[in-house]
N, C-alpha and C. Protein backbone atom coordinates (compact mmCIF):
# COMPACT_ATOMS: atom_id res chain seq x y z
N UNK A 1 14.35 -16.14 8.81
CA UNK A 1 12.94 -15.30 7.42
C UNK A 1 13.05 -13.03 8.16
N UNK A 2 14.73 -12.54 7.33
CA UNK A 2 13.69 -12.16 7.46
C UNK A 2 12.46 -10.85 7.74
N UNK A 3 12.55 -9.82 7.97
CA UNK A 3 11.21 -9.41 8.27
C UNK A 3 10.69 -8.36 7.33
N UNK A 4 11.41 -8.12 6.18
CA UNK A 4 11.07 -7.68 4.61
C UNK A 4 11.00 -9.33 4.20
N UNK A 5 11.82 -10.29 4.11
CA UNK A 5 11.59 -11.10 2.99
C UNK A 5 10.29 -11.69 3.60
N UNK A 6 10.36 -12.22 4.48
CA UNK A 6 8.54 -12.62 5.01
C UNK A 6 7.29 -11.79 4.52
N UNK A 7 7.50 -10.13 4.35
CA UNK A 7 6.69 -9.55 3.64
C UNK A 7 6.29 -9.56 2.23
N UNK A 8 7.67 -10.02 1.48
CA UNK A 8 8.01 -9.62 0.02
C UNK A 8 7.42 -11.12 0.12
N UNK A 9 7.42 -12.34 0.85
CA UNK A 9 6.84 -13.19 0.76
C UNK A 9 5.34 -13.32 0.40
N UNK A 10 4.36 -12.73 1.55
CA UNK A 10 3.60 -12.75 1.43
C UNK A 10 3.09 -11.51 0.07
N UNK A 11 3.36 -9.90 -0.04
CA UNK A 11 2.79 -9.69 -1.30
C UNK A 11 2.81 -10.61 -3.14
N UNK A 12 4.51 -11.44 -2.88
CA UNK A 12 4.50 -13.08 -3.13
C UNK A 12 2.78 -13.83 -3.52
N UNK A 13 3.37 -14.18 -1.80
CA UNK A 13 1.11 -15.50 -2.37
C UNK A 13 0.11 -14.24 -2.68
N UNK A 14 -0.13 -13.30 -2.37
CA UNK A 14 -1.73 -12.30 -2.34
C UNK A 14 -1.52 -12.09 -3.87
N UNK A 15 -0.36 -11.60 -4.48
CA UNK A 15 -0.58 -11.43 -5.62
C UNK A 15 0.31 -12.04 -6.96
N UNK A 16 0.55 -13.52 -6.87
CA UNK A 16 0.56 -14.16 -7.28
C UNK A 16 1.27 -14.06 -8.17
N UNK A 17 2.90 -13.74 -7.47
CA UNK A 17 3.84 -13.83 -8.48
C UNK A 17 4.77 -14.34 -8.50
N UNK A 18 5.45 -15.25 -9.88
CA UNK A 18 5.84 -16.01 -10.86
C UNK A 18 7.52 -15.66 -9.87
N UNK A 19 7.89 -14.59 -9.47
CA UNK A 19 9.17 -14.45 -8.75
C UNK A 19 9.63 -13.42 -7.79
N UNK A 20 10.01 -13.37 -6.38
CA UNK A 20 10.33 -12.16 -6.12
C UNK A 20 10.90 -11.15 -6.46
N UNK A 21 11.51 -10.71 -7.84
CA UNK A 21 11.71 -9.97 -8.53
C UNK A 21 10.36 -9.31 -8.35
N UNK A 22 9.57 -9.78 -9.23
CA UNK A 22 8.76 -9.11 -9.88
C UNK A 22 7.70 -8.45 -8.65
N UNK A 23 7.44 -9.50 -7.46
CA UNK A 23 6.93 -8.94 -6.11
C UNK A 23 7.74 -7.39 -4.99
N UNK A 24 8.99 -7.57 -5.71
CA UNK A 24 9.63 -6.03 -5.06
C UNK A 24 9.59 -5.16 -5.69
N UNK A 25 9.08 -5.52 -7.14
CA UNK A 25 9.37 -4.72 -8.01
C UNK A 25 7.85 -3.87 -7.90
N UNK A 26 7.14 -4.64 -7.79
CA UNK A 26 5.24 -4.02 -6.60
C UNK A 26 5.75 -3.58 -5.88
N UNK A 27 6.22 -4.43 -4.08
CA UNK A 27 6.31 -4.08 -3.82
C UNK A 27 6.86 -2.86 -3.94
N UNK A 28 7.49 -2.28 -3.92
CA UNK A 28 8.45 -1.13 -4.54
C UNK A 28 7.58 0.11 -4.92
N UNK A 29 7.04 -0.37 -5.80
CA UNK A 29 6.40 0.77 -6.27
C UNK A 29 4.81 1.82 -5.72
N UNK A 30 4.53 0.39 -5.31
CA UNK A 30 2.54 1.03 -4.45
C UNK A 30 2.91 1.82 -2.53
N UNK A 31 4.53 1.30 -2.35
CA UNK A 31 4.93 1.42 -0.92
C UNK A 31 5.90 3.19 -1.41
N UNK A 32 5.78 3.33 -2.47
CA UNK A 32 6.54 5.05 -3.12
C UNK A 32 5.07 5.53 -3.40
N UNK A 33 3.75 5.23 -3.78
CA UNK A 33 3.03 5.97 -4.39
C UNK A 33 2.78 6.23 -2.43
N UNK A 34 2.30 4.95 -1.95
CA UNK A 34 1.13 5.06 -1.04
C UNK A 34 2.84 6.56 0.90
N UNK A 35 3.37 6.21 0.02
CA UNK A 35 4.19 7.60 0.76
C UNK A 35 4.08 8.44 0.26
N UNK A 36 2.98 9.24 -1.33
CA UNK A 36 3.85 10.16 -1.08
C UNK A 36 1.79 10.15 -1.27
N UNK A 37 1.49 9.56 -0.07
CA UNK A 37 -0.44 10.20 -0.13
C UNK A 37 0.09 10.24 1.74
N UNK A 38 0.27 9.99 2.90
CA UNK A 38 0.27 9.78 4.42
C UNK A 38 0.80 11.30 4.81
N UNK A 39 0.84 11.58 6.06
CA UNK A 39 0.87 12.12 6.78
C UNK A 39 0.98 11.81 7.49
N UNK A 40 1.30 12.96 8.79
CA UNK A 40 0.92 13.04 10.30
C UNK A 40 1.84 11.67 11.10
N UNK A 41 0.83 11.31 11.67
CA UNK A 41 0.65 10.08 12.28
C UNK A 41 1.33 8.45 11.77
N UNK A 42 -0.24 8.90 11.56
CA UNK A 42 -0.07 7.27 10.29
C UNK A 42 1.35 7.29 10.08
N UNK A 43 1.91 8.11 9.18
CA UNK A 43 2.73 8.17 8.26
C UNK A 43 3.80 7.35 9.40
N UNK A 44 4.76 8.20 10.03
CA UNK A 44 5.26 8.27 11.35
C UNK A 44 5.17 6.26 11.62
N UNK A 45 4.06 6.06 11.94
CA UNK A 45 3.66 4.48 12.73
C UNK A 45 4.01 3.29 11.88
N UNK A 46 3.09 3.69 10.95
CA UNK A 46 3.15 2.99 9.20
C UNK A 46 4.68 2.71 8.76
N UNK A 47 5.95 3.72 8.97
CA UNK A 47 6.88 3.54 8.37
C UNK A 47 7.65 2.92 9.66
N UNK A 48 7.72 3.21 11.31
CA UNK A 48 7.73 2.25 12.54
C UNK A 48 7.31 0.57 12.05
N UNK A 49 6.38 0.51 10.99
CA UNK A 49 6.25 -0.97 11.55
C UNK A 49 7.22 -2.26 10.38
N UNK A 50 7.16 -1.04 9.50
CA UNK A 50 7.47 -1.56 8.16
C UNK A 50 9.40 -2.18 8.16
N UNK A 51 9.99 -2.86 6.84
CA UNK A 51 11.33 -3.52 8.15
C UNK A 51 11.82 -2.80 6.90
N UNK A 52 12.84 -1.89 7.43
CA UNK A 52 13.92 -1.40 7.02
C UNK A 52 13.87 -0.91 5.71
N UNK A 53 14.31 -2.02 4.70
CA UNK A 53 14.11 -1.99 2.91
C UNK A 53 13.00 -1.24 2.37
N UNK A 54 11.99 -1.55 3.17
CA UNK A 54 10.75 -1.13 2.70
C UNK A 54 10.76 0.02 2.84
N UNK A 55 10.49 0.06 4.11
CA UNK A 55 9.71 1.89 4.99
C UNK A 55 11.75 2.95 3.94
N UNK A 56 12.48 2.22 3.76
CA UNK A 56 13.34 3.65 2.85
C UNK A 56 12.63 3.91 2.23
N UNK A 57 11.80 2.82 1.16
CA UNK A 57 11.04 3.27 0.13
C UNK A 57 10.23 3.74 -0.03
N UNK A 58 9.47 3.33 1.75
CA UNK A 58 8.18 4.67 1.64
C UNK A 58 8.18 5.64 2.08
N UNK A 59 9.01 6.33 3.14
CA UNK A 59 9.93 6.70 3.25
C UNK A 59 10.56 8.28 2.37
N UNK A 60 10.55 8.18 1.95
CA UNK A 60 11.11 9.02 0.78
C UNK A 60 10.75 9.99 0.22
N UNK A 61 9.45 9.20 0.33
CA UNK A 61 8.48 10.00 -0.42
C UNK A 61 7.67 11.22 0.05
N UNK A 62 7.76 12.11 -0.69
CA UNK A 62 7.06 13.57 -0.58
C UNK A 62 5.70 13.38 -0.33
N UNK A 63 5.32 14.00 1.02
CA UNK A 63 3.62 13.69 0.23
C UNK A 63 3.13 14.67 0.28
N UNK A 64 2.15 14.76 -0.88
CA UNK A 64 1.35 15.57 -1.20
C UNK A 64 0.54 16.42 -0.21
N UNK A 65 -0.43 17.66 0.16
CA UNK A 65 -0.45 17.90 0.75
C UNK A 65 -2.32 17.34 1.12
N UNK A 66 -2.97 16.65 0.44
CA UNK A 66 -3.67 15.72 0.64
C UNK A 66 -3.18 15.21 -0.27
N UNK A 67 -3.48 13.95 0.94
CA UNK A 67 -3.87 12.20 -0.26
C UNK A 67 -5.12 12.37 -1.61
N UNK A 68 -5.02 11.90 -2.92
CA UNK A 68 -5.29 11.87 -4.17
C UNK A 68 -7.08 10.49 -3.99
N UNK A 69 -7.61 11.07 -4.65
CA UNK A 69 -8.58 9.61 -4.52
C UNK A 69 -8.08 8.16 -5.03
N UNK A 70 -8.45 7.22 -4.13
CA UNK A 70 -8.43 5.84 -4.63
C UNK A 70 -8.42 5.85 -6.17
N UNK A 71 -8.72 6.95 -7.01
CA UNK A 71 -8.97 5.86 -8.56
C UNK A 71 -7.79 6.54 -9.19
N UNK A 72 -6.92 7.81 -8.22
CA UNK A 72 -5.51 8.57 -8.90
C UNK A 72 -4.61 7.73 -8.70
N UNK A 73 -4.91 6.89 -6.88
CA UNK A 73 -3.89 6.43 -6.75
C UNK A 73 -3.61 5.26 -7.62
N UNK A 74 -4.57 4.36 -7.58
CA UNK A 74 -4.13 3.53 -8.42
C UNK A 74 -3.91 3.75 -10.19
N UNK A 75 -3.64 5.02 -10.67
CA UNK A 75 -3.74 5.06 -11.96
C UNK A 75 -1.87 5.90 -11.78
N UNK A 76 -1.65 6.32 -9.84
CA UNK A 76 -0.10 6.10 -10.12
C UNK A 76 0.49 5.15 -10.00
N UNK A 77 -0.35 3.35 -9.47
CA UNK A 77 0.61 2.76 -9.40
C UNK A 77 0.51 2.29 -10.76
N UNK A 78 -0.50 2.65 -11.40
CA UNK A 78 -0.31 2.15 -13.02
C UNK A 78 0.88 3.03 -13.80
N UNK A 79 0.67 3.99 -13.56
CA UNK A 79 2.48 4.42 -13.94
C UNK A 79 3.41 4.51 -14.01
N UNK A 80 3.98 4.29 -12.39
CA UNK A 80 5.13 3.72 -12.19
C UNK A 80 5.02 2.35 -12.11
N UNK A 81 4.78 1.54 -12.75
CA UNK A 81 4.56 0.07 -13.09
C UNK A 81 4.38 -0.44 -14.39
N UNK A 82 4.20 0.16 -15.45
CA UNK A 82 4.43 0.58 -16.42
C UNK A 82 3.16 -0.22 -17.41
N UNK A 83 1.40 -0.22 -16.16
CA UNK A 83 0.57 -1.35 -16.72
C UNK A 83 -0.10 -1.37 -16.70
N UNK A 84 -1.63 -2.12 -16.67
CA UNK A 84 -2.98 -1.19 -16.78
C UNK A 84 -3.86 -1.54 -15.52
N UNK A 85 -4.48 -0.46 -15.04
CA UNK A 85 -5.74 0.21 -14.45
C UNK A 85 -5.69 -1.00 -13.71
N UNK A 86 -6.47 -2.19 -14.17
CA UNK A 86 -6.93 -3.81 -13.62
C UNK A 86 -5.88 -3.70 -12.82
N UNK A 87 -4.87 -4.26 -13.75
CA UNK A 87 -2.97 -4.98 -13.47
C UNK A 87 -2.46 -4.32 -12.22
N UNK A 88 -2.37 -2.75 -12.37
CA UNK A 88 -2.45 -1.92 -11.24
C UNK A 88 -3.18 -1.73 -9.83
N UNK A 89 -4.47 -2.80 -9.86
CA UNK A 89 -5.73 -2.79 -9.09
C UNK A 89 -5.15 -3.50 -7.84
N UNK A 90 -4.47 -4.15 -9.01
CA UNK A 90 -4.32 -6.09 -8.11
C UNK A 90 -3.10 -6.05 -7.34
N UNK A 91 -1.92 -5.29 -8.24
CA UNK A 91 -0.93 -4.99 -7.70
C UNK A 91 -1.06 -4.14 -6.27
N UNK A 92 -2.14 -3.32 -5.92
CA UNK A 92 -2.33 -1.88 -5.26
C UNK A 92 -2.81 -3.19 -3.83
N UNK A 93 -4.31 -3.87 -4.00
CA UNK A 93 -4.41 -4.78 -3.42
C UNK A 93 -3.72 -5.24 -2.96
N UNK A 94 -2.51 -6.15 -3.84
CA UNK A 94 -1.91 -7.13 -2.65
C UNK A 94 -0.76 -6.58 -1.66
N UNK A 95 -0.43 -4.99 -2.30
CA UNK A 95 0.19 -4.97 -1.10
C UNK A 95 0.14 -3.78 -0.20
N UNK A 96 -1.02 -3.52 -0.38
CA UNK A 96 -2.30 -2.94 0.74
C UNK A 96 -2.80 -4.69 2.02
N UNK A 97 -3.16 -4.97 1.45
CA UNK A 97 -3.67 -6.55 2.09
C UNK A 97 -2.55 -7.27 2.68
N UNK A 98 -0.78 -6.90 2.54
CA UNK A 98 0.32 -7.79 2.81
C UNK A 98 0.06 -5.94 4.15
N UNK A 99 0.17 -5.34 3.77
CA UNK A 99 0.71 -4.19 4.69
C UNK A 99 -0.64 -4.25 6.64
N UNK A 100 -1.35 -4.35 5.16
CA UNK A 100 -2.77 -4.50 6.97
C UNK A 100 -2.21 -5.45 7.59
N UNK A 101 -1.57 -6.89 7.12
CA UNK A 101 -1.02 -8.27 8.16
C UNK A 101 -0.30 -7.84 8.83
N UNK A 102 0.61 -6.41 8.45
CA UNK A 102 2.18 -6.51 8.80
C UNK A 102 1.24 -5.42 9.94
N UNK A 103 0.58 -4.54 10.09
CA UNK A 103 0.80 -3.41 10.13
C UNK A 103 0.17 -3.27 11.29
N UNK A 104 -1.13 -3.83 11.52
CA UNK A 104 -2.46 -4.27 11.92
C UNK A 104 -3.18 -3.67 11.67
N UNK A 105 -5.36 -4.09 12.16
CA UNK A 105 -5.96 -3.37 12.18
C UNK A 105 -6.87 -2.07 12.56
N UNK A 106 -5.58 -1.56 13.92
CA UNK A 106 -6.12 -0.87 14.78
C UNK A 106 -4.66 0.65 13.84
N UNK A 107 -4.05 0.55 13.45
CA UNK A 107 -3.00 1.52 12.28
C UNK A 107 -4.10 1.54 11.10
N UNK A 108 -4.40 0.44 10.40
CA UNK A 108 -5.33 -0.06 9.04
C UNK A 108 -6.50 1.10 9.74
N UNK A 109 -6.53 0.80 10.30
CA UNK A 109 -8.15 1.77 10.61
C UNK A 109 -8.29 3.72 10.39
N UNK A 110 -6.85 3.21 11.28
CA UNK A 110 -6.28 4.73 11.36
C UNK A 110 -6.19 5.33 9.95
N UNK A 111 -5.34 4.65 9.44
CA UNK A 111 -5.11 4.79 7.80
C UNK A 111 -6.12 4.28 7.08
N UNK A 112 -7.18 4.44 7.28
CA UNK A 112 -8.54 4.42 5.89
C UNK A 112 -9.31 5.95 6.42
N UNK A 113 -8.59 6.24 8.39
CA UNK A 113 -10.06 7.10 8.76
C UNK A 113 -9.33 8.30 7.76
N UNK A 114 -7.70 8.22 7.98
CA UNK A 114 -6.53 9.23 6.86
C UNK A 114 -6.71 10.04 5.05
N UNK A 115 -7.10 8.20 4.98
CA UNK A 115 -7.53 8.07 2.92
C UNK A 115 -8.63 8.40 2.77
N UNK A 116 -9.14 8.70 1.71
CA UNK A 116 -10.53 9.20 1.07
C UNK A 116 -10.68 7.75 0.55
N UNK A 117 -12.27 8.47 1.70
CA UNK A 117 -12.62 6.02 0.13
C UNK A 117 -12.65 6.30 -0.91
N UNK A 118 -13.17 4.98 -0.33
CA UNK A 118 -12.20 3.49 -2.03
C UNK A 118 -11.32 2.95 -1.05
N UNK A 119 -10.74 3.95 -0.93
CA UNK A 119 -9.10 2.80 -0.51
C UNK A 119 -9.99 1.86 0.45
N UNK A 120 -10.74 1.20 1.60
CA UNK A 120 -10.25 0.42 1.96
C UNK A 120 -10.85 -0.98 1.19
N UNK A 121 -11.09 -0.84 0.03
CA UNK A 121 -11.34 -2.12 -0.98
C UNK A 121 -9.45 -2.24 -1.27
N UNK A 122 -9.10 -1.13 -2.15
CA UNK A 122 -7.84 -1.49 -2.20
C UNK A 122 -6.80 -2.23 -0.68
N UNK A 123 -7.76 -1.80 0.55
CA UNK A 123 -6.21 -2.73 1.64
C UNK A 123 -7.43 -4.07 2.26
N UNK A 124 -8.19 -4.65 0.97
CA UNK A 124 -8.96 -5.87 1.41
C UNK A 124 -10.00 -5.54 2.45
N UNK A 125 -10.78 -4.26 2.44
CA UNK A 125 -11.31 -4.03 3.67
C UNK A 125 -13.13 -3.86 2.50
N UNK A 126 -13.43 -4.51 3.37
CA UNK A 126 -15.74 -3.82 3.04
C UNK A 126 -15.13 -2.42 3.11
N UNK A 127 -15.84 -1.49 2.02
CA UNK A 127 -15.70 0.24 1.81
C UNK A 127 -17.30 0.40 2.38
N UNK A 128 -17.60 0.70 3.92
CA UNK A 128 -19.01 0.52 3.73
C UNK A 128 -18.95 1.79 4.92
N UNK A 129 -19.69 2.79 4.66
CA UNK A 129 -20.32 4.15 5.57
C UNK A 129 -21.39 4.69 5.93
N UNK A 130 -21.33 5.16 6.38
CA UNK A 130 -22.69 5.25 7.62
C UNK A 130 -24.01 6.02 6.78
N UNK A 131 -24.46 5.83 6.69
CA UNK A 131 -26.16 6.00 6.54
C UNK A 131 -26.72 7.31 7.01
N UNK A 132 -26.93 8.51 6.27
CA UNK A 132 -27.76 9.61 6.47
C UNK A 132 -28.87 9.27 7.14
């Protein structure tokens, strides 16, 4: 099985999607929105970790000058999929959790350090902050 098929199957399982087509639609939408959020070394490293078909979707997006807050990310996913915010949050989490498994903890930690607070939950991680 190709790396892309493995990623797609993981998204399908995590998101409980009934077809590969539905999982692929969600995967591509979330990768496109994520591609507009990341810059620099983390963007390059994530692109290198992705299977070619997924990398193409991710890498063809032009990054914004700075990433949007997690709620705006979910709103962008909702618009891309023409769905509710609740469904978009589920979709984003299904893909981002699969990416965490694919990219590994060190890269995921770096991605989360570059993104605004609030993304950790979408990646399937606790959103912990250091108390002052």
